[in-house]
Amino acid sequence: MSLNRVCFNCGSSSFVSDRSLGGKIVCSKCGSFSFTNKSSSFLKSKKFIFLAIAIAIFIILFR
């Protein structure tokens, strides 16, 4: 299915169409039908950089 979606419960990116639910897309590992878009690695690295800067400022201020 779509490569940029992951299951909200288990994190799997493997989905199937469940015929008993009228073709609704469900996770093939846990059976959940709630999924979210993957966050890009740029956003993760951006959060890491802000966290590192915040820790550095905290250390400098409270030294």
Protein backbone atom coordinates (compact mmCIF):
# COMPACT_ATOMS: atom_id res chain seq x y z
CA MET A 1 0.00 0.00 0.00
CA SER A 2 1.36 3.44 0.84
CA LEU A 3 5.00 3.46 1.87
CA ASN A 4 4.76 6.53 4.09
CA ARG A 5 2.25 5.09 6.59
CA VAL A 6 2.86 3.06 9.73
CA CYS A 7 0.55 1.33 12.18
CA PHE A 8 -0.17 3.45 15.23
CA ASN A 9 -0.15 0.41 17.57
CA CYS A 10 2.79 -1.73 16.45
CA GLY A 11 4.75 0.48 14.04
CA SER A 12 4.50 -1.94 11.12
CA SER A 13 4.29 -0.66 7.56
CA SER A 14 2.59 -3.81 6.25
CA PHE A 15 -1.12 -3.34 5.47
CA VAL A 16 -3.80 -5.47 3.84
CA SER A 17 -7.35 -4.88 2.70
CA ASP A 18 -9.75 -6.76 4.99
CA ARG A 19 -12.67 -8.12 2.96
CA SER A 20 -14.83 -8.71 6.02
CA LEU A 21 -14.71 -4.98 6.82
CA GLY A 22 -15.67 -3.94 3.31
CA GLY A 23 -12.13 -3.46 2.04
CA LYS A 24 -10.93 -1.32 4.94
CA ILE A 25 -7.14 -1.15 5.22
CA VAL A 26 -5.82 -2.90 8.35
CA CYS A 27 -2.38 -3.75 9.71
CA SER A 28 -1.34 -7.25 8.72
CA LYS A 29 0.52 -7.82 12.02
CA CYS A 30 -1.86 -6.57 14.72
CA GLY A 31 -5.16 -6.07 12.84
CA SER A 32 -5.54 -2.43 13.84
CA PHE A 33 -7.04 0.06 11.40
CA SER A 34 -5.43 3.14 12.93
CA PHE A 35 -2.30 4.31 11.17
CA THR A 36 -0.29 7.49 10.86
CA ASN A 37 2.22 8.99 8.46
CA LYS A 38 5.91 8.37 9.04
CA SER A 39 7.85 11.34 10.28
CA SER A 40 10.77 12.18 8.09
CA SER A 41 14.30 11.68 9.36
CA PHE A 42 14.88 15.43 8.89
CA LEU A 43 12.32 16.23 11.57
CA LYS A 44 13.82 13.66 13.93
CA SER A 45 17.32 15.06 13.47
CA LYS A 46 15.98 18.60 13.88
CA LYS A 47 14.40 17.66 17.22
CA PHE A 48 17.67 16.05 18.30
CA ILE A 49 19.63 19.20 17.45
CA PHE A 50 17.21 21.40 19.43
CA LEU A 51 17.43 19.02 22.38
CA ALA A 52 21.24 19.09 22.26
CA ILE A 53 21.26 22.91 22.14
CA ALA A 54 18.82 23.11 25.05
CA ILE A 55 20.96 20.76 27.16
CA ALA A 56 24.10 22.75 26.31
CA ILE A 57 22.41 26.04 27.32
CA PHE A 58 21.14 24.44 30.54
CA ILE A 59 24.65 23.23 31.41
CA ILE A 60 26.18 26.66 30.65
CA LEU A 61 23.60 28.56 32.70
CA PHE A 62 23.61 26.33 35.77
CA ARG A 63 27.30 25.59 35.96
